[in-house]
Protein backbone atom coordinates (compact mmCIF):
# COMPACT_ATOMS: atom_id res chain seq x y z
CA MET A 1 -16.44 22.65 4.33
CA ALA A 2 -17.05 19.62 2.40
CA LEU A 3 -14.39 17.51 1.73
CA PHE A 4 -15.15 16.96 -2.16
CA THR A 5 -16.97 19.99 -3.96
CA PRO A 6 -18.66 19.53 -7.46
CA ALA A 7 -16.71 18.61 -10.29
CA GLN A 8 -15.22 21.36 -12.31
CA PRO A 9 -16.44 22.37 -15.94
CA PRO A 10 -15.28 19.25 -18.31
CA LEU A 11 -12.02 18.90 -19.65
CA ALA A 12 -13.52 18.77 -23.31
CA PRO A 13 -16.77 19.68 -25.17
CA GLY A 14 -19.24 16.55 -23.90
CA VAL A 15 -17.06 15.22 -21.04
CA GLN A 16 -18.54 15.63 -17.53
CA PHE A 17 -17.35 13.72 -14.10
CA PRO A 18 -19.82 11.35 -12.71
CA PRO A 19 -21.98 13.32 -9.94
CA ARG A 20 -20.37 14.02 -6.48
CA ARG A 21 -22.48 11.35 -4.53
CA GLN A 22 -21.65 8.76 -6.74
CA ALA A 23 -18.06 9.49 -6.70
CA ARG A 24 -18.08 9.74 -2.81
CA HIS A 25 -19.66 6.65 -2.80
CA ALA A 26 -17.52 4.96 -4.96
CA LEU A 27 -14.49 6.21 -3.17
CA LEU A 28 -15.74 4.75 0.24
CA ILE A 29 -15.76 1.38 -0.98
CA LEU A 30 -12.14 1.36 -2.65
CA PHE A 31 -11.20 2.90 0.80
CA LEU A 32 -12.49 -0.15 2.32
CA GLY A 33 -11.14 -2.71 0.08
CA TYR A 34 -7.74 -1.09 0.51
CA MET A 35 -8.23 -1.11 4.34
CA LEU A 36 -9.29 -4.92 4.38
CA ALA A 37 -6.35 -5.78 2.19
CA PHE A 38 -3.80 -4.13 4.70
CA VAL A 39 -5.55 -5.99 7.46
CA ASP A 40 -5.21 -9.35 5.79
CA ARG A 41 -1.55 -7.85 4.54
CA ASN A 42 -0.11 -6.91 7.78
CA VAL A 43 -1.91 -8.73 10.54
CA VAL A 44 0.97 -11.45 10.20
CA SER A 45 3.26 -8.67 11.56
CA LEU A 46 1.58 -9.10 14.91
CA LEU A 47 1.85 -12.84 14.60
CA VAL A 48 5.62 -13.47 14.27
CA VAL A 49 6.62 -14.73 17.44
CA PRO A 50 3.60 -17.48 17.97
CA ILE A 51 4.16 -18.38 14.37
CA GLU A 52 7.70 -18.91 14.47
CA HIS A 53 6.84 -20.86 17.58
CA ASP A 54 4.27 -23.24 16.23
CA LEU A 55 5.60 -23.55 12.84
CA GLY A 56 9.49 -23.59 14.28
CA LEU A 57 10.44 -20.94 11.52
CA SER A 58 13.40 -18.20 11.51
CA ASP A 59 13.36 -14.40 11.14
CA LEU A 60 14.46 -15.19 7.62
CA GLN A 61 11.71 -17.41 6.73
CA MET A 62 8.97 -14.99 8.28
CA GLY A 63 10.47 -12.34 5.74
CA LEU A 64 9.58 -14.30 2.98
CA LEU A 65 6.46 -15.21 3.90
CA ARG A 66 5.70 -11.63 4.85
CA GLY A 67 7.29 -9.78 2.09
CA THR A 68 8.66 -12.49 -0.75
CA ALA A 69 5.91 -14.69 -0.90
CA PHE A 70 3.32 -11.87 -1.03
CA ALA A 71 5.35 -9.70 -3.44
CA ILE A 72 6.60 -12.07 -6.38
CA PHE A 73 3.04 -13.19 -7.08
CA TYR A 74 1.32 -9.72 -6.24
CA SER A 75 3.54 -8.25 -9.42
CA ILE A 76 3.22 -11.20 -11.65
CA PHE A 77 -0.48 -11.20 -11.60
CA GLY A 78 -0.35 -7.64 -11.50
CA PHE A 79 0.30 -6.78 -15.37
CA PRO A 80 -2.64 -9.34 -16.63
CA ILE A 81 -5.00 -7.90 -14.13
CA ALA A 82 -4.07 -4.07 -14.91
CA TRP A 83 -4.29 -5.50 -19.16
CA LEU A 84 -8.16 -5.86 -17.89
CA VAL A 85 -8.42 -2.72 -15.79
CA ASP A 86 -7.38 -0.72 -19.10
CA ARG A 87 -10.15 -2.80 -20.95
CA TYR A 88 -12.78 -4.14 -19.03
CA ASN A 89 -15.28 -3.37 -16.23
CA ARG A 90 -13.19 -2.13 -13.19
CA ARG A 91 -15.55 -2.81 -10.81
CA ASN A 92 -15.96 -6.60 -11.43
CA ILE A 93 -12.06 -6.74 -11.05
CA VAL A 94 -12.37 -5.38 -7.60
CA LEU A 95 -14.83 -7.73 -6.35
CA GLY A 96 -12.57 -10.51 -7.82
CA GLY A 97 -9.86 -9.31 -5.95
CA ILE A 98 -11.47 -9.17 -2.57
CA ALA A 99 -12.79 -12.89 -3.48
CA VAL A 100 -9.36 -14.26 -3.75
CA TRP A 101 -7.42 -12.46 -1.38
CA SER A 102 -10.03 -13.07 1.68
CA LEU A 103 -10.22 -16.68 0.90
CA MET A 104 -6.44 -16.82 0.70
CA THR A 105 -6.19 -15.38 4.28
CA VAL A 106 -8.51 -17.83 5.59
CA LEU A 107 -6.20 -20.90 4.24
CA ALA A 108 -3.44 -19.28 5.64
CA GLY A 109 -4.79 -19.28 9.12
CA LEU A 110 -5.52 -23.23 8.27
CA SER A 111 -1.55 -23.83 7.58
CA ARG A 112 0.36 -26.35 9.25
CA ASN A 113 3.92 -25.65 7.91
CA PHE A 114 6.11 -23.10 5.64
CA MET A 115 5.13 -24.17 2.09
CA SER A 116 1.27 -24.44 2.93
CA PHE A 117 1.92 -21.04 4.51
CA PHE A 118 3.91 -19.88 1.38
CA GLY A 119 1.14 -20.69 -1.01
CA ALA A 120 -1.47 -19.26 0.93
CA ARG A 121 0.63 -15.58 1.10
CA VAL A 122 1.24 -16.47 -2.94
CA GLY A 123 -2.77 -16.17 -3.20
CA VAL A 124 -2.77 -13.21 -1.20
CA GLY A 125 -0.30 -11.44 -3.27
CA ALA A 126 -2.38 -12.26 -6.57
CA GLY A 127 -5.91 -11.30 -5.17
CA GLU A 128 -4.74 -8.01 -3.59
CA ALA A 129 -2.85 -6.90 -7.30
CA ALA A 130 -6.34 -5.71 -8.38
CA ILE A 131 -6.96 -3.19 -5.94
CA LEU A 132 -4.70 -0.46 -6.51
CA PRO A 133 -4.63 -0.38 -10.59
CA SER A 134 -8.22 -0.41 -10.66
CA ALA A 135 -8.63 1.94 -7.77
CA THR A 136 -6.42 4.72 -9.52
CA SER A 137 -8.01 4.15 -12.93
CA LEU A 138 -11.53 4.78 -11.53
CA ILE A 139 -10.47 7.50 -9.03
CA ALA A 140 -9.20 9.50 -12.39
CA ASP A 141 -12.77 9.21 -13.86
CA TYR A 142 -14.21 10.24 -11.08
CA PHE A 143 -12.29 13.04 -10.12
CA PRO A 144 -10.89 16.15 -11.91
CA PRO A 145 -7.03 16.57 -11.68
CA GLU A 146 -7.45 19.30 -8.80
CA LYS A 147 -9.60 17.07 -6.62
CA ARG A 148 -7.46 13.76 -7.12
CA GLY A 149 -4.94 14.48 -4.44
CA ARG A 150 -7.14 14.69 -1.83
CA ALA A 151 -9.11 11.44 -3.14
CA MET A 152 -6.40 9.50 -3.52
CA GLY A 153 -4.81 10.46 0.22
CA VAL A 154 -8.44 9.21 1.46
CA PHE A 155 -8.15 6.14 -0.39
CA ALA A 156 -4.53 5.72 0.64
CA SER A 157 -5.16 6.46 4.25
CA GLY A 158 -7.09 2.66 3.80
CA ILE A 159 -3.33 1.62 4.48
CA PHE A 160 -3.12 3.13 7.68
CA ILE A 161 -6.54 2.27 8.91
CA GLY A 162 -6.21 -1.49 7.85
CA THR A 163 -2.84 -1.53 9.75
CA ALA A 164 -4.29 -0.08 12.82
CA LEU A 165 -7.27 -2.57 12.73
CA ALA A 166 -4.78 -5.79 12.15
CA LEU A 167 -2.65 -4.74 15.22
CA ILE A 168 -5.67 -3.32 17.72
CA GLY A 169 -7.99 -6.25 16.39
CA GLY A 170 -5.46 -8.91 16.26
CA GLY A 171 -3.91 -7.98 19.60
CA LEU A 172 -7.20 -8.17 21.47
CA LEU A 173 -8.09 -11.40 19.94
CA LEU A 174 -4.73 -12.97 20.48
CA ASP A 175 -4.77 -11.93 23.92
CA ARG A 176 -8.12 -12.95 24.81
CA LEU A 177 -7.32 -16.43 23.06
CA HIS A 178 -3.99 -16.75 24.70
CA GLY A 179 -2.99 -20.26 25.79
CA GLN A 180 -6.41 -21.48 24.32
CA VAL A 181 -6.86 -24.12 21.44
CA THR A 182 -10.17 -23.13 19.59
CA VAL A 183 -12.18 -25.92 17.94
CA LEU A 184 -14.23 -24.64 15.08
CA PRO A 185 -16.75 -26.73 12.75
CA LEU A 186 -15.37 -27.85 9.72
CA LEU A 187 -11.58 -26.42 10.24
CA GLY A 188 -11.01 -28.35 13.28
CA ALA A 189 -8.45 -27.44 16.20
CA LEU A 190 -6.73 -24.03 15.87
CA GLN A 191 -4.30 -22.07 18.00
CA PRO A 192 -4.87 -18.30 18.67
CA TRP A 193 -2.99 -16.99 15.31
CA GLN A 194 -4.89 -19.15 13.27
CA VAL A 195 -8.15 -17.92 14.51
CA VAL A 196 -6.99 -14.15 13.82
CA LEU A 197 -6.08 -15.29 10.38
CA VAL A 198 -9.42 -16.73 9.83
CA ALA A 199 -11.29 -13.99 11.06
CA ALA A 200 -9.70 -11.24 8.98
CA GLY A 201 -10.22 -13.53 6.17
CA LEU A 202 -13.70 -13.48 6.68
CA LEU A 203 -14.30 -9.86 6.87
CA GLY A 204 -13.98 -9.96 3.09
CA ILE A 205 -17.64 -11.42 2.76
CA PRO A 206 -19.45 -7.91 3.88
CA LEU A 207 -17.01 -5.94 1.76
CA PHE A 208 -17.88 -8.24 -1.30
CA LEU A 209 -21.61 -7.54 -1.02
CA ALA A 210 -21.07 -3.92 -0.59
CA ALA A 211 -18.67 -3.59 -3.63
CA LEU A 212 -21.77 -4.84 -6.09
CA PHE A 213 -23.28 -1.32 -5.83
CA VAL A 214 -20.31 0.69 -7.10
CA HIS A 215 -20.97 1.82 -10.58
CA GLU A 216 -18.29 1.76 -13.25
CA PRO A 217 -18.05 5.47 -14.40
CA PRO A 218 -17.15 6.13 -18.13
CA ARG A 219 -13.78 6.23 -19.31
CA LEU A 220 -12.40 10.12 -19.52
CA TYR A 221 -10.20 9.05 -22.00
CA LEU A 222 -12.69 7.43 -24.69
CA HIS A 223 -14.38 11.23 -25.45
CA GLY A 224 -17.19 9.35 -27.47
CA ARG A 225 -14.93 6.90 -29.17
CA THR A 226 -14.50 3.50 -29.12
CA MET A 227 -11.92 1.48 -26.83
CA ALA A 228 -10.38 0.78 -30.17
CA GLN A 229 -10.35 4.41 -31.54
CA ALA A 230 -9.11 5.57 -28.25
CA ALA A 231 -6.20 2.89 -28.32
CA GLU A 232 -4.94 4.05 -31.84
CA GLN A 233 -5.01 7.37 -31.16
CA SER A 234 -3.25 7.03 -27.46
CA VAL A 235 0.24 6.26 -26.88
CA GLY A 236 1.40 2.90 -25.97
CA PHE A 237 2.69 1.08 -22.84
CA PHE A 238 6.07 1.03 -23.73
CA GLU A 239 5.98 4.30 -25.73
CA THR A 240 4.75 6.25 -22.63
CA PHE A 241 8.13 5.49 -20.61
CA ARG A 242 10.10 6.02 -23.76
CA GLN A 243 8.84 9.52 -24.12
CA HIS A 244 9.78 10.18 -20.68
CA PRO A 245 12.34 8.12 -19.08
CA ARG A 246 13.53 10.74 -16.48
CA ALA A 247 10.26 11.39 -14.85
CA PHE A 248 8.89 7.88 -14.76
CA GLY A 249 12.46 6.57 -13.81
CA ALA A 250 12.47 9.19 -11.00
CA HIS A 251 9.05 8.43 -9.97
CA PHE A 252 9.81 4.49 -9.76
CA ILE A 253 13.12 4.92 -8.15
CA GLY A 254 12.22 7.61 -5.73
CA PHE A 255 8.71 6.15 -4.84
CA THR A 256 10.01 2.71 -4.71
CA ALA A 257 12.84 3.48 -2.24
CA LEU A 258 10.58 5.32 0.21
CA CYS A 259 8.17 2.14 0.10
CA PHE A 260 11.42 0.14 0.78
CA ALA A 261 11.74 2.33 3.68
CA SER A 262 8.26 2.19 4.95
CA TYR A 263 7.80 -1.66 4.48
CA GLY A 264 11.47 -2.40 6.17
CA ALA A 265 10.38 -0.20 9.07
CA THR A 266 7.02 -1.22 9.97
CA SER A 267 7.35 -5.23 9.21
CA TRP A 268 9.64 -5.83 11.89
CA LEU A 269 8.11 -2.89 14.33
CA PRO A 270 6.06 -5.24 16.47
CA THR A 271 9.00 -7.96 16.62
CA LEU A 272 11.31 -5.36 17.64
CA PHE A 273 9.02 -4.01 20.75
CA MET A 274 8.19 -7.83 21.92
CA ARG A 275 11.82 -8.94 21.78
CA GLU A 276 13.90 -6.15 22.36
CA HIS A 277 11.51 -3.96 24.74
CA HIS A 278 9.11 -6.66 26.18
CA TRP A 279 6.12 -5.57 25.57
CA SER A 280 3.15 -8.31 25.06
CA ALA A 281 0.94 -8.60 21.74
CA LEU A 282 -1.77 -6.98 23.16
CA GLN A 283 0.61 -3.82 24.09
CA VAL A 284 2.42 -3.86 20.59
CA GLY A 285 -1.09 -4.17 18.80
CA ALA A 286 -2.80 -1.42 20.76
CA ARG A 287 -0.19 1.05 20.70
CA LEU A 288 1.23 0.47 17.28
CA GLY A 289 -2.32 0.31 15.92
CA ILE A 290 -3.40 3.37 17.53
CA MET A 291 -0.25 5.12 16.29
CA ALA A 292 -0.89 3.84 12.42
CA LEU A 293 -4.83 4.83 13.26
CA LEU A 294 -4.04 8.38 13.94
CA LEU A 295 -0.91 9.57 11.97
CA GLY A 296 -1.42 7.49 9.06
CA PRO A 297 -4.50 8.47 7.67
CA LEU A 298 -3.46 12.30 8.69
CA GLY A 299 -0.22 12.25 6.75
CA ALA A 300 -1.84 10.48 3.64
CA ILE A 301 -4.77 12.94 3.24
CA ILE A 302 -2.20 16.18 4.25
CA GLY A 303 0.15 14.89 1.56
CA GLY A 304 -2.86 15.08 -0.92
CA VAL A 305 -4.02 18.12 0.07
CA ILE A 306 -0.61 20.14 -0.08
CA ALA A 307 -0.11 18.39 -3.85
CA ASP A 308 -3.72 19.56 -4.56
CA ARG A 309 -3.14 23.22 -3.38
CA MET A 310 0.30 22.95 -5.10
CA GLU A 311 -1.82 22.25 -8.10
CA LYS A 312 -4.08 24.91 -8.08
CA THR A 313 -1.03 27.72 -7.68
CA GLY A 314 0.32 26.22 -10.90
CA ARG A 315 3.25 24.26 -9.31
CA ARG A 316 3.12 21.14 -11.41
CA ALA A 317 5.48 19.28 -9.69
CA GLY A 318 3.84 19.17 -6.32
CA LYS A 319 3.62 15.18 -5.66
CA PHE A 320 7.34 15.29 -6.24
CA ILE A 321 7.88 18.07 -4.05
CA VAL A 322 5.64 15.92 -1.54
CA GLY A 323 7.96 12.95 -1.95
CA ALA A 324 11.21 14.61 -1.66
CA THR A 325 9.97 16.34 1.60
CA ALA A 326 8.84 12.74 3.10
CA ALA A 327 12.13 11.47 2.49
CA ALA A 328 14.03 14.15 4.07
CA LEU A 329 11.85 13.96 7.32
CA THR A 330 12.08 10.42 7.60
CA ILE A 331 15.94 10.00 8.03
CA VAL A 332 16.37 11.29 11.63
CA PRO A 333 13.17 9.32 13.02
CA ALA A 334 14.48 6.11 11.59
CA LEU A 335 17.98 6.38 13.15
CA VAL A 336 16.55 7.03 16.57
CA MET A 337 13.97 4.05 16.25
CA GLY A 338 16.44 2.12 15.35
CA LEU A 339 19.29 2.95 17.78
CA SER A 340 17.47 3.87 20.75
CA GLY A 341 17.51 1.45 23.77
CA ASN A 342 14.33 3.21 25.63
CA ALA A 343 10.77 1.93 24.55
CA TRP A 344 8.99 5.06 24.68
CA VAL A 345 12.00 7.13 22.73
CA THR A 346 11.37 4.17 20.07
CA TYR A 347 7.60 4.63 20.03
CA ALA A 348 7.97 8.56 19.60
CA ALA A 349 10.61 7.86 16.83
CA ALA A 350 8.28 5.42 15.17
CA ALA A 351 5.44 7.97 15.57
CA VAL A 352 7.24 10.61 13.89
CA LEU A 353 8.62 8.26 11.14
CA THR A 354 4.74 6.81 10.33
CA PHE A 355 3.56 10.52 9.65
CA CYS A 356 6.74 11.55 7.38
CA ILE A 357 6.28 8.18 5.11
CA SER A 358 2.49 8.48 5.00
CA LEU A 359 2.65 11.63 3.11
CA ILE A 360 3.26 9.74 -0.16
CA TRP A 361 0.65 6.86 -0.28
CA GLY A 362 -1.74 9.02 -2.11
CA VAL A 363 0.52 11.24 -4.10
CA ALA A 364 2.50 8.29 -5.67
CA PRO A 365 -0.04 6.51 -7.70
CA GLY A 366 -1.60 10.09 -8.05
CA ALA A 367 1.67 11.42 -9.82
CA LEU A 368 1.12 8.55 -12.39
CA GLN A 369 -2.31 9.96 -13.13
CA GLU A 370 -0.98 13.04 -14.60
CA ILE A 371 1.74 11.53 -16.73
CA ALA A 372 0.12 8.61 -18.19
CA HIS A 373 -2.63 8.60 -20.46
CA GLY A 374 -5.73 6.64 -19.52
CA ALA A 375 -5.61 3.89 -22.16
CA VAL A 376 -2.32 2.91 -20.25
CA LEU A 377 -2.63 4.03 -16.46
CA GLY A 378 -3.80 0.79 -15.23
CA ARG A 379 -0.68 -1.25 -16.97
CA VAL A 380 1.59 1.72 -15.70
CA VAL A 381 0.37 1.27 -12.07
CA ALA A 382 0.85 -2.30 -12.15
CA ALA A 383 4.59 -1.65 -12.91
CA TYR A 384 5.32 0.60 -10.39
CA THR A 385 3.25 -1.70 -7.50
CA ALA A 386 5.42 -4.52 -9.24
CA LEU A 387 8.62 -2.71 -8.14
CA ILE A 388 7.31 -1.03 -4.64
CA ASN A 389 6.18 -5.33 -3.91
CA LEU A 390 9.15 -6.70 -5.27
CA VAL A 391 11.65 -4.09 -4.04
CA GLY A 392 9.94 -2.66 -1.07
CA LEU A 393 7.94 -5.18 0.40
CA GLY A 394 9.82 -8.11 -1.01
CA LEU A 395 13.19 -7.52 -0.28
CA ALA A 396 13.27 -5.09 2.77
CA PRO A 397 12.07 -7.46 5.56
CA PRO A 398 14.33 -10.50 4.70
CA SER A 399 17.17 -7.72 3.74
CA ILE A 400 16.80 -6.28 7.23
CA ALA A 401 16.55 -9.59 8.84
CA LEU A 402 19.89 -10.91 7.32
CA LEU A 403 21.72 -7.69 8.04
CA GLY A 404 20.53 -8.24 11.47
CA GLU A 405 21.44 -11.89 11.93
CA SER A 406 25.07 -10.91 10.25
CA ILE A 407 25.61 -8.14 13.02
CA ALA A 408 24.36 -9.89 15.91
CA GLY A 409 23.32 -13.34 15.37
CA LYS A 410 20.13 -15.21 14.70
CA ASN A 411 16.67 -13.27 15.30
CA ALA A 412 18.65 -10.50 16.57
CA GLY A 413 19.96 -7.03 15.51
CA LEU A 414 17.01 -5.72 14.08
CA GLY A 415 17.44 -2.13 15.53
CA THR A 416 20.79 -1.57 14.25
CA ALA A 417 19.74 -2.99 10.59
CA ILE A 418 16.63 -0.37 10.61
CA ALA A 419 19.15 2.41 11.38
CA ILE A 420 21.53 1.55 8.53
CA VAL A 421 18.92 0.69 6.01
CA ILE A 422 16.13 2.79 6.05
CA PRO A 423 18.00 6.13 5.78
CA LEU A 424 19.88 4.91 2.77
CA ALA A 425 16.61 4.50 1.09
CA CYS A 426 15.67 7.80 2.01
CA VAL A 427 18.41 9.52 0.68
CA ILE A 428 18.17 7.47 -2.66
CA ALA A 429 14.62 8.68 -2.83
CA LEU A 430 15.58 12.50 -2.34
CA ALA A 431 18.09 12.41 -5.01
CA ALA A 432 15.72 10.90 -7.48
CA PHE A 433 13.13 13.27 -6.80
CA ALA A 434 15.38 16.48 -6.54
CA SER A 435 17.10 15.74 -10.10
CA SER A 436 13.61 15.53 -11.89
CA MET A 437 11.48 17.78 -11.25
CA GLY A 438 11.72 19.72 -14.72
CA ALA A 439 11.31 16.19 -16.20
CA TYR A 440 8.27 15.53 -14.29
CA ARG A 441 6.80 19.26 -15.56
CA GLN A 442 7.42 18.42 -18.97
CA ALA A 443 5.94 15.21 -19.13
CA ARG A 444 2.76 16.58 -17.31
CA ALA A 445 2.69 18.88 -20.17
CA ASP A 446 3.21 16.76 -23.02
CA LEU A 447 0.04 14.62 -22.00
CA LYS A 448 -2.73 14.57 -24.09
CA PRO A 449 -5.97 14.98 -22.50
């Protein structure tokens, strides 16, 4: 059976979704873009030990580089970019994002101190702010509601395949270049970790060229009207939140808490295995990469399929149910992962956690497609991504580092901190979803086509 069947009848007279082939091609490019974004974002997690050694940094500084520098400016640039997404050609916005984050990843590889690295990570965040609002808006116009869960699941699987490529490819390259200094034309002498970052950034060139062939679809919410007419007849950005505060509040709190748990656990996982279980960078990259490659996409797609099946049976809070299930299932493996003294028990717990937490990555932005009007969807997604990056990515890595150091001293205590922080975040998420199922269903019912 094909993954995507032909579009269902239009939502209103004269409205038709783009051809299936065009939609699938666009989804493939958006998936590859998200995948590469997570290569550039996550390869740094594998390079913590050599970067700290060469630049003389602490765990806290690395937490700031990996999380805070990226997250703050991802969020700052997210809103103006999302404003453009709601009004202008979304394909071109994706192209600009690819160019910026790829260039800044190369510049991160050329860094010689904390501040230059910090500035490059700021640029990576600014560039990557383009991909999720653009893709969420494009997918809403390419696929009907009962197909969006799977489409968003496929798109979101780029998170895990990109992370796997970062770990496996980065680990292999780091191992191959171990102890060597590479001299490149114009760039000079580079340490192995610098070569890894430069190589990751250069992957953006073929993706940029491929994205040129994506078509901008008609905006479904226009229904033959001009952009100005549609804006006059639709609910404004702030009014959207005022109409259904419980539904949006539960969404933002629940999924942000789960993203906090995900970023907090996975950002320190390579360091945990290298520092406490004495695995090499090659072992960590291969083993964690295979885990992410197999279990992450599987979970993201299964989460979307479950949500779609609930949609077809009339269970309109299906995406919230998937979120609540992911939160409940993540608590125990997080405890085991943080507290186990055995490397393979830790690895097994991490595998379970990876699958469970991956259930939400497609349904989280997908849930916003069903309660936010298309005229404001880009900005609503930007608000969501601002939260998950500021709170999840920006605060989770440094907070776990700080708690670990307060418990066990400098550059220690990561496992204990993970066992405390991650289950607590999951409990918060579970409470948010469980208390607001009805509010989400009402918000869906009130949304004008």
